[in-house]
């Protein structure tokens, strides 16, 4: 899937200085946090409901609450999620507006969106 067309690479990326080690490390950590099927399904489940508890997410993705909690912590550490407490329940919501776009872009690259 290679192309020499100049409009394939966004101008902002093409004109950016070469990533330094720290930027590349941060970018790799970000992609690493997304490079997990359970975490992607968790993000999608939250996005579909706008806000969800650990129990609801675990039921939807078919994982244990402990596993989901661990994944949610990793996503929150990256700044993708925020929480709200209501009694004993904690609700999660996506707060980074780029998360949905990155997931849609990935689906586009895989050919799941014919409009791309």
Foldseek 3Di string as FASTA:
>chain_A
DDDPDPVVDPPVVVPDDPDDPVRVVLVVLVVVLVPDPLLVQLQVVCVVVQKAWLVVSCVVSVHDSVVSVVSVVSCVVNVQWDWDDDPPTIMIGGDDPCPVVVVVVVCVVVVVDVVD
